[in-house]
Structures are given as C-alpha cells and as structure tokens.
Amino acid sequence: MNIPNLITVLRVLLIPIFILLFYLPYEWSYAASSSVFAFAAATDWLDGYLARRLEQSTPFGAFLDPVADKLMVAVALVLLVQEHGNLWLTLPAAVIIGREIVVSALREWMAEIGARAHVAVSNLGKWKTAAQMLALVILLANPSDFSFWVLIGYALLLIAAGLTLWSMLQYLRAAWPHLRTTVEKK
C-alpha cells in the first residue's frame, strides 16, 4: 500500500461521509457535502499525479482509481436526482451513468480479447470529467431552487452529458472493428 493507493482508498471512504452530510437537515450541509465531493475530486488528480511522479503505479491502484471515481460520481448524481427531481438533472444523470456502464463493459470485453489499448482514456474524457465535476460541486453546494448557480450547474451537466455521449461514440467506433469481427464469426 503506497501513498497514491491510500489516497484512492480515502476517496472511497469519503462516500458515506458525503452521503451523511448531504442528508443532514441543516443549511450548511450543502456546502459541507459539496466540499467533501470537491476534496474527493481533487484527490483523484492528486493520486494519479503522485503515482506517476513517485513511480508508484500499481495494478491495485489502476483498478481502484476508476472505480472510486465512478462510485463518487454515481452517488452524487443519484442524490441530486432525488433532491431535484426534474428532467434537467435526471436525463444527463442517466446518460452519464449509462455511459459509464457501457464503456466499462466495453473496456472489459476489449481486455478479454487483448485489444484494451483501443479504448484508452482520451483528452475528451478529461474535458467531460472537468465539466461534470464542476457541475456536481455547484449543484451539491446549492438547494434545488432554481437559482443562477443551479442553472449554471444544469448547463455544465448538460455539456458533460453531451461530451459523455460523444466520447462513448468514439469508444464504440474504436471498438467497432473488433465487435463486427466477433459478430461475423458467430
């Protein structure tokens, strides 16, 4: 267990704290849950940076890092959908969570056939992640009333959902020759 892996484990352990803060019946719970989420998002960058800088990349870290990210984002989206209960948040949340399921399954399948490198993370994914994390921090920090900041959060989440679909299509296009070959063999 090295420092980057400990940071990744910390991100997973923050999830129940984040949930608890979100549901506390106090005005400050918005800022507190948003702060924990923002801290977790920052640790995602930090653990990757340290793993590369200290040359401490491990198979465990390579596995847990994306799992921790997806868990934190999925939990935040589910909490926000429950809180806001509208199409402007539910639709992008469904797109984002659905894309993660599709791309994770695609990567697993591509790894099984030895073609995992064809569905590697792209720069588009980094832009998607930035828009998504900023949207979630903003939305978590504000009550579900329609305010300027909530509208900015919705707009960023819609942008993230659009980038999510675009990146999923890129992954599917990269994998299509392997998918087509497999289907034609059957």
C-alpha atoms as a PDB file:
ATOM      1  CA  MET A   1       0.000   0.000   0.000  1.00  0.00           C
ATOM      2  CA  ASN A   2       1.566   3.275  -1.132  1.00  0.00           C
ATOM      3  CA  ILE A   3       0.525   6.947  -0.833  1.00  0.00           C
ATOM      4  CA  PRO A   4      -1.433   7.135  -4.134  1.00  0.00           C
ATOM      5  CA  ASN A   5      -3.353   3.974  -3.238  1.00  0.00           C
ATOM      6  CA  LEU A   6      -4.099   5.289   0.249  1.00  0.00           C
ATOM      7  CA  ILE A   7      -5.473   8.483  -1.285  1.00  0.00           C
ATOM      8  CA  THR A   8      -7.695   6.427  -3.598  1.00  0.00           C
ATOM      9  CA  VAL A   9      -8.956   4.342  -0.654  1.00  0.00           C
ATOM     10  CA  LEU A  10      -9.650   7.592   1.210  1.00  0.00           C
ATOM     11  CA  ARG A  11     -11.836   8.707  -1.703  1.00  0.00           C
ATOM     12  CA  VAL A  12     -13.950   5.558  -1.335  1.00  0.00           C
ATOM     13  CA  LEU A  13     -14.156   6.015   2.438  1.00  0.00           C
ATOM     14  CA  LEU A  14     -15.395   9.586   1.944  1.00  0.00           C
ATOM     15  CA  ILE A  15     -18.559   8.351   0.181  1.00  0.00           C
ATOM     16  CA  PRO A  16     -20.551   7.521   3.360  1.00  0.00           C
ATOM     17  CA  ILE A  17     -19.433  10.830   4.921  1.00  0.00           C
ATOM     18  CA  PHE A  18     -20.527  12.667   1.788  1.00  0.00           C
ATOM     19  CA  ILE A  19     -23.948  10.939   1.897  1.00  0.00           C
ATOM     20  CA  LEU A  20     -24.408  11.703   5.581  1.00  0.00           C
ATOM     21  CA  LEU A  21     -23.561  15.378   5.092  1.00  0.00           C
ATOM     22  CA  PHE A  22     -25.913  15.604   2.118  1.00  0.00           C
ATOM     23  CA  TYR A  23     -28.876  14.410   4.177  1.00  0.00           C
ATOM     24  CA  LEU A  24     -28.256  16.472   7.293  1.00  0.00           C
ATOM     25  CA  PRO A  25     -31.185  18.885   7.823  1.00  0.00           C
ATOM     26  CA  TYR A  26     -29.020  21.992   8.117  1.00  0.00           C
ATOM     27  CA  GLU A  27     -28.419  24.836   5.703  1.00  0.00           C
ATOM     28  CA  TRP A  28     -24.639  24.287   5.902  1.00  0.00           C
ATOM     29  CA  SER A  29     -24.978  20.655   4.753  1.00  0.00           C
ATOM     30  CA  TYR A  30     -24.996  21.820   1.113  1.00  0.00           C
ATOM     31  CA  ALA A  31     -21.602  23.475   1.458  1.00  0.00           C
ATOM     32  CA  ALA A  32     -20.251  20.583   3.544  1.00  0.00           C
ATOM     33  CA  SER A  33     -21.291  17.829   1.112  1.00  0.00           C
ATOM     34  CA  SER A  34     -20.069  19.885  -1.838  1.00  0.00           C
ATOM     35  CA  SER A  35     -16.729  20.458  -0.081  1.00  0.00           C
ATOM     36  CA  VAL A  36     -16.244  16.752   0.587  1.00  0.00           C
ATOM     37  CA  PHE A  37     -17.091  15.994  -3.049  1.00  0.00           C
ATOM     38  CA  ALA A  38     -14.684  18.710  -4.280  1.00  0.00           C
ATOM     39  CA  PHE A  39     -11.949  17.355  -1.999  1.00  0.00           C
ATOM     40  CA  ALA A  40     -12.547  13.837  -3.353  1.00  0.00           C
ATOM     41  CA  ALA A  41     -12.397  15.147  -6.922  1.00  0.00           C
ATOM     42  CA  ALA A  42      -9.083  16.866  -6.153  1.00  0.00           C
ATOM     43  CA  THR A  43      -7.676  13.650  -4.690  1.00  0.00           C
ATOM     44  CA  ASP A  44      -8.456  11.940  -7.999  1.00  0.00           C
ATOM     45  CA  TRP A  45      -5.983  14.233  -9.707  1.00  0.00           C
ATOM     46  CA  LEU A  46      -3.520  14.029  -6.788  1.00  0.00           C
ATOM     47  CA  ASP A  47      -3.317  10.230  -6.594  1.00  0.00           C
ATOM     48  CA  GLY A  48      -2.676   9.966 -10.335  1.00  0.00           C
ATOM     49  CA  TYR A  49      -0.043  12.695 -10.216  1.00  0.00           C
ATOM     50  CA  LEU A  50       1.739  11.079  -7.255  1.00  0.00           C
ATOM     51  CA  ALA A  51       1.597   7.598  -8.772  1.00  0.00           C
ATOM     52  CA  ARG A  52       3.341   8.887 -11.904  1.00  0.00           C
ATOM     53  CA  ARG A  53       5.742  11.263 -10.124  1.00  0.00           C
ATOM     54  CA  LEU A  54       6.800   8.741  -7.454  1.00  0.00           C
ATOM     55  CA  GLU A  55       6.668   5.838  -9.916  1.00  0.00           C
ATOM     56  CA  GLN A  56       4.218   4.049  -7.623  1.00  0.00           C
ATOM     57  CA  SER A  57       1.642   2.872 -10.127  1.00  0.00           C
ATOM     58  CA  THR A  58       0.216  -0.492  -9.094  1.00  0.00           C
ATOM     59  CA  PRO A  59      -2.373  -2.900 -10.510  1.00  0.00           C
ATOM     60  CA  PHE A  60      -4.490  -2.271  -7.382  1.00  0.00           C
ATOM     61  CA  GLY A  61      -4.388   1.480  -7.981  1.00  0.00           C
ATOM     62  CA  ALA A  62      -5.142   1.049 -11.688  1.00  0.00           C
ATOM     63  CA  PHE A  63      -8.223  -0.960 -10.702  1.00  0.00           C
ATOM     64  CA  LEU A  64      -9.463   1.088  -7.739  1.00  0.00           C
ATOM     65  CA  ASP A  65      -8.926   4.622  -9.100  1.00  0.00           C
ATOM     66  CA  PRO A  66     -11.607   4.486 -11.822  1.00  0.00           C
ATOM     67  CA  VAL A  67     -13.925   2.527  -9.508  1.00  0.00           C
ATOM     68  CA  ALA A  68     -13.611   5.207  -6.811  1.00  0.00           C
ATOM     69  CA  ASP A  69     -14.312   7.945  -9.363  1.00  0.00           C
ATOM     70  CA  LYS A  70     -17.364   6.221 -10.782  1.00  0.00           C
ATOM     71  CA  LEU A  71     -18.752   5.440  -7.325  1.00  0.00           C
ATOM     72  CA  MET A  72     -18.400   9.023  -6.133  1.00  0.00           C
ATOM     73  CA  VAL A  73     -19.959  10.487  -9.292  1.00  0.00           C
ATOM     74  CA  ALA A  74     -22.798   7.934  -9.413  1.00  0.00           C
ATOM     75  CA  VAL A  75     -23.643   8.536  -5.743  1.00  0.00           C
ATOM     76  CA  ALA A  76     -23.622  12.324  -6.267  1.00  0.00           C
ATOM     77  CA  LEU A  77     -25.857  12.016  -9.333  1.00  0.00           C
ATOM     78  CA  VAL A  78     -28.336   9.732  -7.572  1.00  0.00           C
ATOM     79  CA  LEU A  79     -28.532  12.076  -4.580  1.00  0.00           C
ATOM     80  CA  LEU A  80     -29.036  15.100  -6.816  1.00  0.00           C
ATOM     81  CA  VAL A  81     -31.695  13.380  -8.953  1.00  0.00           C
ATOM     82  CA  GLN A  82     -33.605  12.540  -5.779  1.00  0.00           C
ATOM     83  CA  GLU A  83     -33.223  16.105  -4.481  1.00  0.00           C
ATOM     84  CA  HIS A  84     -34.020  17.973  -7.707  1.00  0.00           C
ATOM     85  CA  GLY A  85     -36.453  15.527  -9.290  1.00  0.00           C
ATOM     86  CA  ASN A  86     -36.587  17.098 -12.752  1.00  0.00           C
ATOM     87  CA  LEU A  87     -35.727  16.282 -16.332  1.00  0.00           C
ATOM     88  CA  TRP A  88     -32.840  18.806 -16.445  1.00  0.00           C
ATOM     89  CA  LEU A  89     -30.882  16.739 -13.953  1.00  0.00           C
ATOM     90  CA  THR A  90     -32.338  13.247 -14.427  1.00  0.00           C
ATOM     91  CA  LEU A  91     -31.646  12.966 -18.165  1.00  0.00           C
ATOM     92  CA  PRO A  92     -27.960  13.968 -18.014  1.00  0.00           C
ATOM     93  CA  ALA A  93     -27.511  11.766 -14.921  1.00  0.00           C
ATOM     94  CA  ALA A  94     -28.955   8.763 -16.779  1.00  0.00           C
ATOM     95  CA  VAL A  95     -26.712   9.486 -19.775  1.00  0.00           C
ATOM     96  CA  ILE A  96     -23.589   9.810 -17.609  1.00  0.00           C
ATOM     97  CA  ILE A  97     -24.258   6.678 -15.528  1.00  0.00           C
ATOM     98  CA  GLY A  98     -25.360   4.708 -18.604  1.00  0.00           C
ATOM     99  CA  ARG A  99     -22.225   5.688 -20.491  1.00  0.00           C
ATOM    100  CA  GLU A 100     -20.028   4.549 -17.611  1.00  0.00           C
ATOM    101  CA  ILE A 101     -21.709   1.140 -17.655  1.00  0.00           C
ATOM    102  CA  VAL A 102     -21.376   0.802 -21.436  1.00  0.00           C
ATOM    103  CA  VAL A 103     -17.745   1.947 -21.581  1.00  0.00           C
ATOM    104  CA  SER A 104     -16.723  -0.162 -18.556  1.00  0.00           C
ATOM    105  CA  ALA A 105     -18.279  -3.246 -20.142  1.00  0.00           C
ATOM    106  CA  LEU A 106     -16.644  -2.395 -23.468  1.00  0.00           C
ATOM    107  CA  ARG A 107     -13.212  -1.979 -21.858  1.00  0.00           C
ATOM    108  CA  GLU A 108     -13.595  -5.279 -20.001  1.00  0.00           C
ATOM    109  CA  TRP A 109     -14.597  -7.075 -23.181  1.00  0.00           C
ATOM    110  CA  MET A 110     -11.777  -5.466 -25.178  1.00  0.00           C
ATOM    111  CA  ALA A 111      -9.301  -6.539 -22.479  1.00  0.00           C
ATOM    112  CA  GLU A 112     -10.578 -10.122 -22.767  1.00  0.00           C
ATOM    113  CA  ILE A 113      -9.791 -10.160 -26.478  1.00  0.00           C
ATOM    114  CA  GLY A 114      -6.423  -8.425 -25.954  1.00  0.00           C
ATOM    115  CA  ALA A 115      -7.417  -5.108 -27.531  1.00  0.00           C
ATOM    116  CA  ARG A 116      -7.751  -2.917 -24.420  1.00  0.00           C
ATOM    117  CA  ALA A 117      -5.440  -0.207 -25.828  1.00  0.00           C
ATOM    118  CA  HIS A 118      -8.047   0.601 -28.499  1.00  0.00           C
ATOM    119  CA  VAL A 119     -10.379   2.026 -25.828  1.00  0.00           C
ATOM    120  CA  ALA A 120      -7.934   4.023 -23.707  1.00  0.00           C
ATOM    121  CA  VAL A 121      -8.872   7.280 -21.979  1.00  0.00           C
ATOM    122  CA  SER A 122      -8.831  10.299 -24.295  1.00  0.00           C
ATOM    123  CA  ASN A 123      -8.463  14.064 -23.813  1.00  0.00           C
ATOM    124  CA  LEU A 124     -12.178  14.391 -24.492  1.00  0.00           C
ATOM    125  CA  GLY A 125     -12.756  12.336 -21.345  1.00  0.00           C
ATOM    126  CA  LYS A 126     -10.736  14.862 -19.361  1.00  0.00           C
ATOM    127  CA  TRP A 127     -12.915  17.747 -20.562  1.00  0.00           C
ATOM    128  CA  LYS A 128     -16.014  15.712 -19.783  1.00  0.00           C
ATOM    129  CA  THR A 129     -14.726  14.994 -16.295  1.00  0.00           C
ATOM    130  CA  ALA A 130     -13.905  18.661 -15.662  1.00  0.00           C
ATOM    131  CA  ALA A 131     -17.384  19.851 -16.722  1.00  0.00           C
ATOM    132  CA  GLN A 132     -19.036  17.038 -14.780  1.00  0.00           C
ATOM    133  CA  MET A 133     -17.092  17.628 -11.550  1.00  0.00           C
ATOM    134  CA  LEU A 134     -17.621  21.395 -11.656  1.00  0.00           C
ATOM    135  CA  ALA A 135     -21.353  20.879 -12.308  1.00  0.00           C
ATOM    136  CA  LEU A 136     -21.639  18.460  -9.391  1.00  0.00           C
ATOM    137  CA  VAL A 137     -19.740  20.728  -6.992  1.00  0.00           C
ATOM    138  CA  ILE A 138     -22.035  23.645  -7.920  1.00  0.00           C
ATOM    139  CA  LEU A 139     -25.238  21.590  -7.716  1.00  0.00           C
ATOM    140  CA  LEU A 140     -24.291  19.995  -4.411  1.00  0.00           C
ATOM    141  CA  ALA A 141     -23.492  23.425  -2.925  1.00  0.00           C
ATOM    142  CA  ASN A 142     -26.944  24.851  -3.670  1.00  0.00           C
ATOM    143  CA  PRO A 143     -30.519  23.980  -2.712  1.00  0.00           C
ATOM    144  CA  SER A 144     -32.647  22.672  -5.574  1.00  0.00           C
ATOM    145  CA  ASP A 145     -34.430  26.024  -6.010  1.00  0.00           C
ATOM    146  CA  PHE A 146     -33.960  27.493  -9.462  1.00  0.00           C
ATOM    147  CA  SER A 147     -31.187  29.998  -8.906  1.00  0.00           C
ATOM    148  CA  PHE A 148     -28.416  31.369 -11.077  1.00  0.00           C
ATOM    149  CA  TRP A 149     -25.925  28.812  -9.719  1.00  0.00           C
ATOM    150  CA  VAL A 150     -28.303  25.882 -10.135  1.00  0.00           C
ATOM    151  CA  LEU A 151     -28.881  26.907 -13.768  1.00  0.00           C
ATOM    152  CA  ILE A 152     -25.101  27.095 -14.304  1.00  0.00           C
ATOM    153  CA  GLY A 153     -24.813  23.627 -12.728  1.00  0.00           C
ATOM    154  CA  TYR A 154     -27.524  22.258 -15.031  1.00  0.00           C
ATOM    155  CA  ALA A 155     -25.850  23.814 -18.082  1.00  0.00           C
ATOM    156  CA  LEU A 156     -22.478  22.306 -17.153  1.00  0.00           C
ATOM    157  CA  LEU A 157     -24.103  18.931 -16.513  1.00  0.00           C
ATOM    158  CA  LEU A 158     -25.790  19.056 -19.931  1.00  0.00           C
ATOM    159  CA  ILE A 159     -22.413  19.898 -21.503  1.00  0.00           C
ATOM    160  CA  ALA A 160     -20.857  16.980 -19.594  1.00  0.00           C
ATOM    161  CA  ALA A 161     -23.642  14.667 -20.818  1.00  0.00           C
ATOM    162  CA  GLY A 162     -23.049  15.792 -24.414  1.00  0.00           C
ATOM    163  CA  LEU A 163     -19.312  15.187 -24.096  1.00  0.00           C
ATOM    164  CA  THR A 164     -20.133  11.864 -22.427  1.00  0.00           C
ATOM    165  CA  LEU A 165     -22.168  10.715 -25.426  1.00  0.00           C
ATOM    166  CA  TRP A 166     -19.512  11.955 -27.827  1.00  0.00           C
ATOM    167  CA  SER A 167     -16.732  10.110 -26.008  1.00  0.00           C
ATOM    168  CA  MET A 168     -18.853   6.944 -25.803  1.00  0.00           C
ATOM    169  CA  LEU A 169     -19.375   7.080 -29.559  1.00  0.00           C
ATOM    170  CA  GLN A 170     -15.598   7.449 -30.028  1.00  0.00           C
ATOM    171  CA  TYR A 171     -15.013   4.367 -27.841  1.00  0.00           C
ATOM    172  CA  LEU A 172     -17.643   2.389 -29.741  1.00  0.00           C
ATOM    173  CA  ARG A 173     -16.193   3.494 -33.089  1.00  0.00           C
ATOM    174  CA  ALA A 174     -12.699   2.408 -31.980  1.00  0.00           C
ATOM    175  CA  ALA A 175     -14.060  -0.948 -30.825  1.00  0.00           C
ATOM    176  CA  TRP A 176     -16.382  -1.482 -33.791  1.00  0.00           C
ATOM    177  CA  PRO A 177     -13.908  -3.487 -35.943  1.00  0.00           C
ATOM    178  CA  HIS A 178     -13.483  -5.918 -33.034  1.00  0.00           C
ATOM    179  CA  LEU A 179     -17.210  -6.029 -32.315  1.00  0.00           C
ATOM    180  CA  ARG A 180     -18.064  -6.579 -36.009  1.00  0.00           C
ATOM    181  CA  THR A 181     -15.457  -9.319 -36.377  1.00  0.00           C
ATOM    182  CA  THR A 182     -16.782 -11.112 -33.318  1.00  0.00           C
ATOM    183  CA  VAL A 183     -20.390 -10.864 -34.528  1.00  0.00           C
ATOM    184  CA  GLU A 184     -19.471 -12.075 -38.048  1.00  0.00           C
ATOM    185  CA  LYS A 185     -17.657 -15.140 -36.613  1.00  0.00           C
ATOM    186  CA  LYS A 186     -20.856 -16.256 -34.851  1.00  0.00           C
END
